[in-house]
Amino acid sequence: MAAALLPAARGRALEDMMEDADPHYGLIGQMIAQPGQRAALVAILGEGTGAMPGNIAYLIGEDAANPDAIWIVELWDSKDAHAASLQLPEVRAAIAKGRPLIAGFGTRAEFKPVAKAAA
């Protein structure tokens, strides 16, 4: 999954980090940007989600079929850590800044990570 969403060097770094991680909560969701605003939305989300306690991975990928859609994959220590992240000033600022660029949301799923496989 990481290889599909990140440059090779960052994908390897994530894989190394995941070897020691033990996520207990995950989210996958599709976000639809206003026409032509996908790159701007990705930039805002990327800059506002750097240091979130309990976050193991926050990946943003471009949808291959929809030029305005992105997918966000999150891995967390716990559901509570995710909820707490939504109160962080940086995250709240990113949400406020990105909101006008969001046209809507697609599929969203919560999951419990249960197995890791070597890449």
PDB file of N, CA and C in Angstrom:
ATOM      1  N   MET A   1       0.830  -1.196   0.000  1.00  0.00           N
ATOM      2  CA  MET A   1       0.000   0.000   0.000  1.00  0.00           C
ATOM      3  C   MET A   1       0.870   1.253   0.000  1.00  0.00           C
ATOM      4  N   ALA A   2       1.890   1.273   0.862  1.00  0.00           N
ATOM      5  CA  ALA A   2       2.737   2.460   0.944  1.00  0.00           C
ATOM      6  C   ALA A   2       3.395   2.767  -0.388  1.00  0.00           C
ATOM      7  N   ALA A   3       3.816   1.741  -1.106  1.00  0.00           N
ATOM      8  CA  ALA A   3       4.484   1.954  -2.392  1.00  0.00           C
ATOM      9  C   ALA A   3       3.565   2.636  -3.385  1.00  0.00           C
ATOM     10  N   ALA A   4       2.280   2.399  -3.291  1.00  0.00           N
ATOM     11  CA  ALA A   4       1.322   2.996  -4.215  1.00  0.00           C
ATOM     12  C   ALA A   4       1.051   4.459  -3.894  1.00  0.00           C
ATOM     13  N   LEU A   5       1.307   4.884  -2.653  1.00  0.00           N
ATOM     14  CA  LEU A   5       0.938   6.223  -2.238  1.00  0.00           C
ATOM     15  C   LEU A   5       2.109   7.171  -2.007  1.00  0.00           C
ATOM     16  N   LEU A   6       3.313   6.610  -1.817  1.00  0.00           N
ATOM     17  CA  LEU A   6       4.453   7.433  -1.452  1.00  0.00           C
ATOM     18  C   LEU A   6       5.631   7.226  -2.397  1.00  0.00           C
ATOM     19  N   PRO A   7       6.527   8.235  -2.491  1.00  0.00           N
ATOM     20  CA  PRO A   7       7.783   8.008  -3.206  1.00  0.00           C
ATOM     21  C   PRO A   7       8.545   6.872  -2.530  1.00  0.00           C
ATOM     22  N   ALA A   8       9.424   6.211  -3.267  1.00  0.00           N
ATOM     23  CA  ALA A   8      10.116   5.006  -2.779  1.00  0.00           C
ATOM     24  C   ALA A   8      10.810   5.216  -1.433  1.00  0.00           C
ATOM     25  N   ALA A   9      11.554   6.290  -1.269  1.00  0.00           N
ATOM     26  CA  ALA A   9      12.300   6.511  -0.024  1.00  0.00           C
ATOM     27  C   ALA A   9      11.356   6.669   1.157  1.00  0.00           C
ATOM     28  N   ARG A  10      10.283   7.410   0.983  1.00  0.00           N
ATOM     29  CA  ARG A  10       9.327   7.592   2.076  1.00  0.00           C
ATOM     30  C   ARG A  10       8.577   6.306   2.343  1.00  0.00           C
ATOM     31  N   GLY A  11       8.313   5.526   1.312  1.00  0.00           N
ATOM     32  CA  GLY A  11       7.644   4.238   1.488  1.00  0.00           C
ATOM     33  C   GLY A  11       8.493   3.284   2.308  1.00  0.00           C
ATOM     34  N   ARG A  12       9.803   3.259   2.042  1.00  0.00           N
ATOM     35  CA  ARG A  12      10.712   2.405   2.826  1.00  0.00           C
ATOM     36  C   ARG A  12      10.756   2.868   4.275  1.00  0.00           C
ATOM     37  N   ALA A  13      10.801   4.166   4.503  1.00  0.00           N
ATOM     38  CA  ALA A  13      10.825   4.698   5.866  1.00  0.00           C
ATOM     39  C   ALA A  13       9.558   4.304   6.616  1.00  0.00           C
ATOM     40  N   LEU A  14       8.419   4.373   5.937  1.00  0.00           N
ATOM     41  CA  LEU A  14       7.161   3.974   6.568  1.00  0.00           C
ATOM     42  C   LEU A  14       7.171   2.480   6.882  1.00  0.00           C
ATOM     43  N   GLU A  15       7.658   1.673   5.956  1.00  0.00           N
ATOM     44  CA  GLU A  15       7.722   0.230   6.193  1.00  0.00           C
ATOM     45  C   GLU A  15       8.610  -0.082   7.392  1.00  0.00           C
ATOM     46  N   ASP A  16       9.745   0.601   7.525  1.00  0.00           N
ATOM     47  CA  ASP A  16      10.623   0.393   8.671  1.00  0.00           C
ATOM     48  C   ASP A  16       9.913   0.756   9.974  1.00  0.00           C
ATOM     49  N   MET A  17       9.209   1.882   9.971  1.00  0.00           N
ATOM     50  CA  MET A  17       8.482   2.313  11.151  1.00  0.00           C
ATOM     51  C   MET A  17       7.373   1.326  11.505  1.00  0.00           C
ATOM     52  N   MET A  18       6.699   0.794  10.494  1.00  0.00           N
ATOM     53  CA  MET A  18       5.582  -0.118  10.731  1.00  0.00           C
ATOM     54  C   MET A  18       6.034  -1.437  11.348  1.00  0.00           C
ATOM     55  N   GLU A  19       7.293  -1.821  11.146  1.00  0.00           N
ATOM     56  CA  GLU A  19       7.776  -3.062  11.738  1.00  0.00           C
ATOM     57  C   GLU A  19       7.635  -3.036  13.251  1.00  0.00           C
ATOM     58  N   ASP A  20       7.806  -1.861  13.876  1.00  0.00           N
ATOM     59  CA  ASP A  20       7.719  -1.731  15.325  1.00  0.00           C
ATOM     60  C   ASP A  20       6.359  -1.234  15.792  1.00  0.00           C
ATOM     61  N   ALA A  21       5.509  -0.829  14.907  1.00  0.00           N
ATOM     62  CA  ALA A  21       4.212  -0.256  15.274  1.00  0.00           C
ATOM     63  C   ALA A  21       3.191  -1.340  15.588  1.00  0.00           C
ATOM     64  N   ASP A  22       2.242  -0.973  16.420  1.00  0.00           N
ATOM     65  CA  ASP A  22       1.156  -1.886  16.765  1.00  0.00           C
ATOM     66  C   ASP A  22      -0.165  -1.105  16.730  1.00  0.00           C
ATOM     67  N   PRO A  23      -0.647  -0.769  15.530  1.00  0.00           N
ATOM     68  CA  PRO A  23      -1.875   0.019  15.436  1.00  0.00           C
ATOM     69  C   PRO A  23      -3.096  -0.774  15.903  1.00  0.00           C
ATOM     70  N   HIS A  24      -4.018  -0.074  16.546  1.00  0.00           N
ATOM     71  CA  HIS A  24      -5.252  -0.698  17.021  1.00  0.00           C
ATOM     72  C   HIS A  24      -6.497  -0.085  16.386  1.00  0.00           C
ATOM     73  N   TYR A  25      -6.312   0.947  15.558  1.00  0.00           N
ATOM     74  CA  TYR A  25      -7.450   1.625  14.930  1.00  0.00           C
ATOM     75  C   TYR A  25      -7.006   2.177  13.585  1.00  0.00           C
ATOM     76  N   GLY A  26      -7.858   2.037  12.581  1.00  0.00           N
ATOM     77  CA  GLY A  26      -7.554   2.561  11.266  1.00  0.00           C
ATOM     78  C   GLY A  26      -8.764   3.158  10.587  1.00  0.00           C
ATOM     79  N   LEU A  27      -8.492   4.064   9.678  1.00  0.00           N
ATOM     80  CA  LEU A  27      -9.523   4.706   8.860  1.00  0.00           C
ATOM     81  C   LEU A  27      -9.051   4.752   7.420  1.00  0.00           C
ATOM     82  N   ILE A  28      -9.973   4.561   6.508  1.00  0.00           N
ATOM     83  CA  ILE A  28      -9.733   4.781   5.085  1.00  0.00           C
ATOM     84  C   ILE A  28     -10.903   5.612   4.590  1.00  0.00           C
ATOM     85  N   GLY A  29     -10.622   6.698   3.906  1.00  0.00           N
ATOM     86  CA  GLY A  29     -11.713   7.526   3.420  1.00  0.00           C
ATOM     87  C   GLY A  29     -11.368   8.244   2.138  1.00  0.00           C
ATOM     88  N   GLN A  30     -12.399   8.480   1.343  1.00  0.00           N
ATOM     89  CA  GLN A  30     -12.230   9.227   0.104  1.00  0.00           C
ATOM     90  C   GLN A  30     -12.775  10.632   0.308  1.00  0.00           C
ATOM     91  N   MET A  31     -12.013  11.607  -0.160  1.00  0.00           N
ATOM     92  CA  MET A  31     -12.414  13.005  -0.097  1.00  0.00           C
ATOM     93  C   MET A  31     -12.401  13.539  -1.525  1.00  0.00           C
ATOM     94  N   ILE A  32     -13.416  14.299  -1.883  1.00  0.00           N
ATOM     95  CA  ILE A  32     -13.528  14.873  -3.228  1.00  0.00           C
ATOM     96  C   ILE A  32     -13.265  16.377  -3.130  1.00  0.00           C
ATOM     97  N   ALA A  33     -12.265  16.832  -3.852  1.00  0.00           N
ATOM     98  CA  ALA A  33     -11.935  18.256  -3.874  1.00  0.00           C
ATOM     99  C   ALA A  33     -12.817  18.985  -4.883  1.00  0.00           C
ATOM    100  N   GLN A  34     -12.934  20.279  -4.696  1.00  0.00           N
ATOM    101  CA  GLN A  34     -13.570  21.115  -5.708  1.00  0.00           C
ATOM    102  C   GLN A  34     -12.790  20.924  -7.008  1.00  0.00           C
ATOM    103  N   PRO A  35     -13.435  21.031  -8.166  1.00  0.00           N
ATOM    104  CA  PRO A  35     -12.730  20.815  -9.438  1.00  0.00           C
ATOM    105  C   PRO A  35     -11.426  21.608  -9.526  1.00  0.00           C
ATOM    106  N   GLY A  36     -10.356  20.888  -9.847  1.00  0.00           N
ATOM    107  CA  GLY A  36      -9.051  21.509 -10.009  1.00  0.00           C
ATOM    108  C   GLY A  36      -8.322  21.850  -8.718  1.00  0.00           C
ATOM    109  N   GLN A  37      -8.873  21.503  -7.564  1.00  0.00           N
ATOM    110  CA  GLN A  37      -8.270  21.895  -6.292  1.00  0.00           C
ATOM    111  C   GLN A  37      -7.624  20.739  -5.526  1.00  0.00           C
ATOM    112  N   ARG A  38      -7.494  19.565  -6.164  1.00  0.00           N
ATOM    113  CA  ARG A  38      -6.966  18.403  -5.454  1.00  0.00           C
ATOM    114  C   ARG A  38      -5.567  18.660  -4.895  1.00  0.00           C
ATOM    115  N   ALA A  39      -4.651  19.174  -5.692  1.00  0.00           N
ATOM    116  CA  ALA A  39      -3.273  19.396  -5.227  1.00  0.00           C
ATOM    117  C   ALA A  39      -3.237  20.371  -4.050  1.00  0.00           C
ATOM    118  N   ALA A  40      -4.038  21.411  -4.110  1.00  0.00           N
ATOM    119  CA  ALA A  40      -4.080  22.383  -3.015  1.00  0.00           C
ATOM    120  C   ALA A  40      -4.613  21.731  -1.744  1.00  0.00           C
ATOM    121  N   LEU A  41      -5.634  20.900  -1.869  1.00  0.00           N
ATOM    122  CA  LEU A  41      -6.190  20.210  -0.706  1.00  0.00           C
ATOM    123  C   LEU A  41      -5.176  19.241  -0.111  1.00  0.00           C
ATOM    124  N   VAL A  42      -4.483  18.500  -0.958  1.00  0.00           N
ATOM    125  CA  VAL A  42      -3.444  17.576  -0.482  1.00  0.00           C
ATOM    126  C   VAL A  42      -2.370  18.346   0.288  1.00  0.00           C
ATOM    127  N   ALA A  43      -1.945  19.483  -0.233  1.00  0.00           N
ATOM    128  CA  ALA A  43      -0.914  20.287   0.436  1.00  0.00           C
ATOM    129  C   ALA A  43      -1.377  20.736   1.819  1.00  0.00           C
ATOM    130  N   ILE A  44      -2.600  21.194   1.921  1.00  0.00           N
ATOM    131  CA  ILE A  44      -3.134  21.656   3.211  1.00  0.00           C
ATOM    132  C   ILE A  44      -3.206  20.504   4.200  1.00  0.00           C
ATOM    133  N   LEU A  45      -3.744  19.370   3.769  1.00  0.00           N
ATOM    134  CA  LEU A  45      -3.855  18.223   4.663  1.00  0.00           C
ATOM    135  C   LEU A  45      -2.480  17.707   5.072  1.00  0.00           C
ATOM    136  N   GLY A  46      -1.539  17.719   4.156  1.00  0.00           N
ATOM    137  CA  GLY A  46      -0.195  17.244   4.450  1.00  0.00           C
ATOM    138  C   GLY A  46       0.546  18.116   5.444  1.00  0.00           C
ATOM    139  N   GLU A  47       0.357  19.420   5.356  1.00  0.00           N
ATOM    140  CA  GLU A  47       1.091  20.307   6.260  1.00  0.00           C
ATOM    141  C   GLU A  47       0.447  20.375   7.641  1.00  0.00           C
ATOM    142  N   GLY A  48      -0.830  20.082   7.746  1.00  0.00           N
ATOM    143  CA  GLY A  48      -1.527  20.206   9.027  1.00  0.00           C
ATOM    144  C   GLY A  48      -1.591  18.931   9.836  1.00  0.00           C
ATOM    145  N   THR A  49      -0.940  17.870   9.349  1.00  0.00           N
ATOM    146  CA  THR A  49      -1.067  16.588  10.031  1.00  0.00           C
ATOM    147  C   THR A  49       0.284  15.968  10.374  1.00  0.00           C
ATOM    148  N   GLY A  50       1.298  16.796  10.555  1.00  0.00           N
ATOM    149  CA  GLY A  50       2.638  16.272  10.786  1.00  0.00           C
ATOM    150  C   GLY A  50       2.864  15.612  12.125  1.00  0.00           C
ATOM    151  N   ALA A  51       2.543  16.270  13.212  1.00  0.00           N
ATOM    152  CA  ALA A  51       2.830  15.748  14.549  1.00  0.00           C
ATOM    153  C   ALA A  51       1.523  15.508  15.293  1.00  0.00           C
ATOM    154  N   MET A  52       1.042  14.281  15.213  1.00  0.00           N
ATOM    155  CA  MET A  52      -0.197  13.929  15.901  1.00  0.00           C
ATOM    156  C   MET A  52       0.102  12.763  16.836  1.00  0.00           C
ATOM    157  N   PRO A  53       0.090  12.994  18.146  1.00  0.00           N
ATOM    158  CA  PRO A  53       0.381  11.909  19.085  1.00  0.00           C
ATOM    159  C   PRO A  53      -0.532  10.709  18.850  1.00  0.00           C
ATOM    160  N   GLY A  54       0.074   9.528  18.825  1.00  0.00           N
ATOM    161  CA  GLY A  54      -0.680   8.301  18.619  1.00  0.00           C
ATOM    162  C   GLY A  54      -0.871   7.926  17.170  1.00  0.00           C
ATOM    163  N   ASN A  55      -0.472   8.809  16.246  1.00  0.00           N
ATOM    164  CA  ASN A  55      -0.601   8.501  14.824  1.00  0.00           C
ATOM    165  C   ASN A  55       0.599   7.699  14.356  1.00  0.00           C
ATOM    166  N   ILE A  56       0.321   6.580  13.709  1.00  0.00           N
ATOM    167  CA  ILE A  56       1.374   5.723  13.180  1.00  0.00           C
ATOM    168  C   ILE A  56       1.607   6.022  11.705  1.00  0.00           C
ATOM    169  N   ALA A  57       0.529   6.283  10.984  1.00  0.00           N
ATOM    170  CA  ALA A  57       0.654   6.606   9.559  1.00  0.00           C
ATOM    171  C   ALA A  57      -0.530   7.454   9.125  1.00  0.00           C
ATOM    172  N   TYR A  58      -0.249   8.422   8.268  1.00  0.00           N
ATOM    173  CA  TYR A  58      -1.271   9.271   7.654  1.00  0.00           C
ATOM    174  C   TYR A  58      -0.858   9.411   6.197  1.00  0.00           C
ATOM    175  N   LEU A  59      -1.494   8.646   5.332  1.00  0.00           N
ATOM    176  CA  LEU A  59      -1.130   8.609   3.920  1.00  0.00           C
ATOM    177  C   LEU A  59      -2.221   9.270   3.084  1.00  0.00           C
ATOM    178  N   ILE A  60      -1.805  10.081   2.146  1.00  0.00           N
ATOM    179  CA  ILE A  60      -2.738  10.724   1.221  1.00  0.00           C
ATOM    180  C   ILE A  60      -2.358  10.262  -0.178  1.00  0.00           C
ATOM    181  N   GLY A  61      -3.320   9.723  -0.904  1.00  0.00           N
ATOM    182  CA  GLY A  61      -3.062   9.260  -2.259  1.00  0.00           C
ATOM    183  C   GLY A  61      -4.072   9.837  -3.235  1.00  0.00           C
ATOM    184  N   GLU A  62      -3.638  10.066  -4.464  1.00  0.00           N
ATOM    185  CA  GLU A  62      -4.535  10.553  -5.507  1.00  0.00           C
ATOM    186  C   GLU A  62      -5.327   9.391  -6.087  1.00  0.00           C
ATOM    187  N   ASP A  63      -6.622   9.571  -6.229  1.00  0.00           N
ATOM    188  CA  ASP A  63      -7.484   8.560  -6.844  1.00  0.00           C
ATOM    189  C   ASP A  63      -7.111   8.462  -8.323  1.00  0.00           C
ATOM    190  N   ALA A  64      -6.905   7.244  -8.803  1.00  0.00           N
ATOM    191  CA  ALA A  64      -6.489   7.034 -10.192  1.00  0.00           C
ATOM    192  C   ALA A  64      -7.618   7.281 -11.184  1.00  0.00           C
ATOM    193  N   ALA A  65      -8.868   7.155 -10.758  1.00  0.00           N
ATOM    194  CA  ALA A  65      -9.998   7.279 -11.681  1.00  0.00           C
ATOM    195  C   ALA A  65     -10.671   8.646 -11.644  1.00  0.00           C
ATOM    196  N   ASN A  66     -10.518   9.379 -10.550  1.00  0.00           N
ATOM    197  CA  ASN A  66     -11.195  10.664 -10.404  1.00  0.00           C
ATOM    198  C   ASN A  66     -10.146  11.745 -10.164  1.00  0.00           C
ATOM    199  N   PRO A  67      -9.980  12.694 -11.069  1.00  0.00           N
ATOM    200  CA  PRO A  67      -8.937  13.708 -10.941  1.00  0.00           C
ATOM    201  C   PRO A  67      -9.144  14.684  -9.789  1.00  0.00           C
ATOM    202  N   ASP A  68     -10.295  14.634  -9.143  1.00  0.00           N
ATOM    203  CA  ASP A  68     -10.559  15.523  -8.016  1.00  0.00           C
ATOM    204  C   ASP A  68     -10.585  14.789  -6.677  1.00  0.00           C
ATOM    205  N   ALA A  69     -10.393  13.478  -6.691  1.00  0.00           N
ATOM    206  CA  ALA A  69     -10.529  12.695  -5.455  1.00  0.00           C
ATOM    207  C   ALA A  69      -9.180  12.285  -4.875  1.00  0.00           C
ATOM    208  N   ILE A  70      -9.167  12.165  -3.560  1.00  0.00           N
ATOM    209  CA  ILE A  70      -8.021  11.631  -2.843  1.00  0.00           C
ATOM    210  C   ILE A  70      -8.507  10.548  -1.878  1.00  0.00           C
ATOM    211  N   TRP A  71      -7.593   9.703  -1.472  1.00  0.00           N
ATOM    212  CA  TRP A  71      -7.839   8.695  -0.442  1.00  0.00           C
ATOM    213  C   TRP A  71      -6.910   8.987   0.724  1.00  0.00           C
ATOM    214  N   ILE A  72      -7.430   8.864   1.921  1.00  0.00           N
ATOM    215  CA  ILE A  72      -6.631   9.065   3.123  1.00  0.00           C
ATOM    216  C   ILE A  72      -6.674   7.763   3.920  1.00  0.00           C
ATOM    217  N   VAL A  73      -5.502   7.253   4.254  1.00  0.00           N
ATOM    218  CA  VAL A  73      -5.364   6.038   5.051  1.00  0.00           C
ATOM    219  C   VAL A  73      -4.666   6.433   6.345  1.00  0.00           C
ATOM    220  N   GLU A  74      -5.303   6.123   7.473  1.00  0.00           N
ATOM    221  CA  GLU A  74      -4.753   6.477   8.778  1.00  0.00           C
ATOM    222  C   GLU A  74      -4.619   5.244   9.653  1.00  0.00           C
ATOM    223  N   LEU A  75      -3.500   5.142  10.371  1.00  0.00           N
ATOM    224  CA  LEU A  75      -3.296   4.105  11.368  1.00  0.00           C
ATOM    225  C   LEU A  75      -2.980   4.787  12.695  1.00  0.00           C
ATOM    226  N   TRP A  76      -3.658   4.338  13.744  1.00  0.00           N
ATOM    227  CA  TRP A  76      -3.560   4.974  15.055  1.00  0.00           C
ATOM    228  C   TRP A  76      -3.324   3.950  16.156  1.00  0.00           C
ATOM    229  N   ASP A  77      -2.720   4.426  17.245  1.00  0.00           N
ATOM    230  CA  ASP A  77      -2.581   3.602  18.439  1.00  0.00           C
ATOM    231  C   ASP A  77      -3.959   3.206  18.981  1.00  0.00           C
ATOM    232  N   SER A  78      -4.913   4.141  18.870  1.00  0.00           N
ATOM    233  CA  SER A  78      -6.257   3.901  19.411  1.00  0.00           C
ATOM    234  C   SER A  78      -7.255   4.857  18.771  1.00  0.00           C
ATOM    235  N   LYS A  79      -8.523   4.524  18.913  1.00  0.00           N
ATOM    236  CA  LYS A  79      -9.589   5.415  18.429  1.00  0.00           C
ATOM    237  C   LYS A  79      -9.567   6.727  19.203  1.00  0.00           C
ATOM    238  N   ASP A  80      -9.241   6.659  20.495  1.00  0.00           N
ATOM    239  CA  ASP A  80      -9.158   7.871  21.312  1.00  0.00           C
ATOM    240  C   ASP A  80      -8.054   8.809  20.822  1.00  0.00           C
ATOM    241  N   ALA A  81      -6.918   8.242  20.388  1.00  0.00           N
ATOM    242  CA  ALA A  81      -5.826   9.074  19.861  1.00  0.00           C
ATOM    243  C   ALA A  81      -6.292   9.816  18.612  1.00  0.00           C
ATOM    244  N   HIS A  82      -7.064   9.128  17.760  1.00  0.00           N
ATOM    245  CA  HIS A  82      -7.595   9.802  16.573  1.00  0.00           C
ATOM    246  C   HIS A  82      -8.529  10.936  16.982  1.00  0.00           C
ATOM    247  N   ALA A  83      -9.442  10.659  17.905  1.00  0.00           N
ATOM    248  CA  ALA A  83     -10.388  11.692  18.350  1.00  0.00           C
ATOM    249  C   ALA A  83      -9.646  12.891  18.939  1.00  0.00           C
ATOM    250  N   ALA A  84      -8.603  12.630  19.731  1.00  0.00           N
ATOM    251  CA  ALA A  84      -7.827  13.718  20.336  1.00  0.00           C
ATOM    252  C   ALA A  84      -7.116  14.552  19.270  1.00  0.00           C
ATOM    253  N   SER A  85      -6.702  13.919  18.191  1.00  0.00           N
ATOM    254  CA  SER A  85      -5.988  14.653  17.134  1.00  0.00           C
ATOM    255  C   SER A  85      -6.867  15.738  16.516  1.00  0.00           C
ATOM    256  N   LEU A  86      -8.161  15.513  16.497  1.00  0.00           N
ATOM    257  CA  LEU A  86      -9.075  16.484  15.892  1.00  0.00           C
ATOM    258  C   LEU A  86      -9.188  17.775  16.703  1.00  0.00           C
ATOM    259  N   GLN A  87      -8.623  17.771  17.915  1.00  0.00           N
ATOM    260  CA  GLN A  87      -8.628  18.966  18.756  1.00  0.00           C
ATOM    261  C   GLN A  87      -7.304  19.728  18.708  1.00  0.00           C
ATOM    262  N   LEU A  88      -6.294  19.164  18.042  1.00  0.00           N
ATOM    263  CA  LEU A  88      -5.000  19.838  17.946  1.00  0.00           C
ATOM    264  C   LEU A  88      -5.120  21.117  17.117  1.00  0.00           C
ATOM    265  N   PRO A  89      -4.482  22.205  17.555  1.00  0.00           N
ATOM    266  CA  PRO A  89      -4.575  23.467  16.810  1.00  0.00           C
ATOM    267  C   PRO A  89      -4.176  23.343  15.338  1.00  0.00           C
ATOM    268  N   GLU A  90      -3.114  22.565  15.052  1.00  0.00           N
ATOM    269  CA  GLU A  90      -2.661  22.424  13.667  1.00  0.00           C
ATOM    270  C   GLU A  90      -3.696  21.699  12.816  1.00  0.00           C
ATOM    271  N   VAL A  91      -4.311  20.677  13.383  1.00  0.00           N
ATOM    272  CA  VAL A  91      -5.321  19.910  12.654  1.00  0.00           C
ATOM    273  C   VAL A  91      -6.572  20.756  12.451  1.00  0.00           C
ATOM    274  N   ARG A  92      -6.992  21.460  13.487  1.00  0.00           N
ATOM    275  CA  ARG A  92      -8.173  22.330  13.365  1.00  0.00           C
ATOM    276  C   ARG A  92      -7.947  23.418  12.311  1.00  0.00           C
ATOM    277  N   ALA A  93      -6.723  23.959  12.263  1.00  0.00           N
ATOM    278  CA  ALA A  93      -6.397  24.982  11.260  1.00  0.00           C
ATOM    279  C   ALA A  93      -6.424  24.384   9.858  1.00  0.00           C
ATOM    280  N   ALA A  94      -5.894  23.165   9.690  1.00  0.00           N
ATOM    281  CA  ALA A  94      -5.908  22.512   8.374  1.00  0.00           C
ATOM    282  C   ALA A  94      -7.340  22.235   7.932  1.00  0.00           C
ATOM    283  N   ILE A  95      -8.178  21.796   8.857  1.00  0.00           N
ATOM    284  CA  ILE A  95      -9.584  21.538   8.529  1.00  0.00           C
ATOM    285  C   ILE A  95     -10.268  22.833   8.082  1.00  0.00           C
ATOM    286  N   ALA A  96     -10.054  23.898   8.831  1.00  0.00           N
ATOM    287  CA  ALA A  96     -10.683  25.184   8.483  1.00  0.00           C
ATOM    288  C   ALA A  96     -10.182  25.701   7.132  1.00  0.00           C
ATOM    289  N   LYS A  97      -8.883  25.568   6.887  1.00  0.00           N
ATOM    290  CA  LYS A  97      -8.301  26.052   5.628  1.00  0.00           C
ATOM    291  C   LYS A  97      -8.738  25.185   4.441  1.00  0.00           C
ATOM    292  N   GLY A  98      -8.855  23.872   4.669  1.00  0.00           N
ATOM    293  CA  GLY A  98      -9.202  22.957   3.590  1.00  0.00           C
ATOM    294  C   GLY A  98     -10.686  22.865   3.290  1.00  0.00           C
ATOM    295  N   ARG A  99     -11.526  23.179   4.261  1.00  0.00           N
ATOM    296  CA  ARG A  99     -12.978  23.018   4.096  1.00  0.00           C
ATOM    297  C   ARG A  99     -13.534  23.634   2.811  1.00  0.00           C
ATOM    298  N   PRO A 100     -13.136  24.857   2.421  1.00  0.00           N
ATOM    299  CA  PRO A 100     -13.688  25.431   1.182  1.00  0.00           C
ATOM    300  C   PRO A 100     -13.281  24.670  -0.082  1.00  0.00           C
ATOM    301  N   LEU A 101     -12.216  23.868   0.008  1.00  0.00           N
ATOM    302  CA  LEU A 101     -11.745  23.119  -1.158  1.00  0.00           C
ATOM    303  C   LEU A 101     -12.402  21.741  -1.272  1.00  0.00           C
ATOM    304  N   ILE A 102     -13.204  21.370  -0.297  1.00  0.00           N
ATOM    305  CA  ILE A 102     -13.830  20.048  -0.278  1.00  0.00           C
ATOM    306  C   ILE A 102     -15.221  20.119  -0.894  1.00  0.00           C
ATOM    307  N   ALA A 103     -15.429  19.305  -1.931  1.00  0.00           N
ATOM    308  CA  ALA A 103     -16.750  19.230  -2.573  1.00  0.00           C
ATOM    309  C   ALA A 103     -17.614  18.163  -1.920  1.00  0.00           C
ATOM    310  N   GLY A 104     -16.985  17.147  -1.331  1.00  0.00           N
ATOM    311  CA  GLY A 104     -17.753  16.080  -0.709  1.00  0.00           C
ATOM    312  C   GLY A 104     -16.872  14.936  -0.270  1.00  0.00           C
ATOM    313  N   PHE A 105     -17.525  13.877   0.156  1.00  0.00           N
ATOM    314  CA  PHE A 105     -16.828  12.702   0.660  1.00  0.00           C
ATOM    315  C   PHE A 105     -17.388  11.463  -0.004  1.00  0.00           C
ATOM    316  N   GLY A 106     -16.519  10.491  -0.209  1.00  0.00           N
ATOM    317  CA  GLY A 106     -16.933   9.211  -0.770  1.00  0.00           C
ATOM    318  C   GLY A 106     -16.980   8.165   0.325  1.00  0.00           C
ATOM    319  N   THR A 107     -16.531   6.993  -0.004  1.00  0.00           N
ATOM    320  CA  THR A 107     -16.533   5.874   0.917  1.00  0.00           C
ATOM    321  C   THR A 107     -15.627   6.150   2.119  1.00  0.00           C
ATOM    322  N   ARG A 108     -16.071   5.680   3.292  1.00  0.00           N
ATOM    323  CA  ARG A 108     -15.277   5.800   4.519  1.00  0.00           C
ATOM    324  C   ARG A 108     -15.437   4.501   5.286  1.00  0.00           C
ATOM    325  N   ALA A 109     -14.340   4.002   5.820  1.00  0.00           N
ATOM    326  CA  ALA A 109     -14.401   2.770   6.602  1.00  0.00           C
ATOM    327  C   ALA A 109     -13.446   2.852   7.784  1.00  0.00           C
ATOM    328  N   GLU A 110     -13.922   2.421   8.945  1.00  0.00           N
ATOM    329  CA  GLU A 110     -13.086   2.238  10.114  1.00  0.00           C
ATOM    330  C   GLU A 110     -12.706   0.760  10.152  1.00  0.00           C
ATOM    331  N   PHE A 111     -11.494   0.465  10.631  1.00  0.00           N
ATOM    332  CA  PHE A 111     -11.098  -0.931  10.711  1.00  0.00           C
ATOM    333  C   PHE A 111     -10.131  -1.135  11.873  1.00  0.00           C
ATOM    334  N   LYS A 112      -9.997  -2.388  12.275  1.00  0.00           N
ATOM    335  CA  LYS A 112      -9.045  -2.794  13.287  1.00  0.00           C
ATOM    336  C   LYS A 112      -7.928  -3.569  12.600  1.00  0.00           C
ATOM    337  N   PRO A 113      -6.718  -3.004  12.563  1.00  0.00           N
ATOM    338  CA  PRO A 113      -5.602  -3.733  11.957  1.00  0.00           C
ATOM    339  C   PRO A 113      -5.353  -5.039  12.730  1.00  0.00           C
ATOM    340  N   VAL A 114      -5.228  -6.146  12.007  1.00  0.00           N
ATOM    341  CA  VAL A 114      -5.053  -7.428  12.672  1.00  0.00           C
ATOM    342  C   VAL A 114      -3.835  -8.201  12.192  1.00  0.00           C
ATOM    343  N   ALA A 115      -3.239  -7.843  11.085  1.00  0.00           N
ATOM    344  CA  ALA A 115      -2.085  -8.583  10.586  1.00  0.00           C
ATOM    345  C   ALA A 115      -1.214  -7.672   9.746  1.00  0.00           C
ATOM    346  N   LYS A 116       0.072  -7.949   9.771  1.00  0.00           N
ATOM    347  CA  LYS A 116       1.036  -7.245   8.934  1.00  0.00           C
ATOM    348  C   LYS A 116       1.652  -8.280   8.000  1.00  0.00           C
ATOM    349  N   ALA A 117       1.933  -7.859   6.796  1.00  0.00           N
ATOM    350  CA  ALA A 117       2.591  -8.741   5.830  1.00  0.00           C
ATOM    351  C   ALA A 117       3.837  -8.034   5.318  1.00  0.00           C
ATOM    352  N   ALA A 118       4.876  -8.772   5.102  1.00  0.00           N
ATOM    353  CA  ALA A 118       6.092  -8.188   4.548  1.00  0.00           C
ATOM    354  C   ALA A 118       5.856  -7.755   3.115  1.00  0.00           C
ATOM    355  N   ALA A 119       6.444  -6.634   2.742  1.00  0.00           N
ATOM    356  CA  ALA A 119       6.271  -6.127   1.386  1.00  0.00           C
ATOM    357  C   ALA A 119       7.222  -6.789   0.438  1.00  0.00           C
TER     358      ALA A 119
END
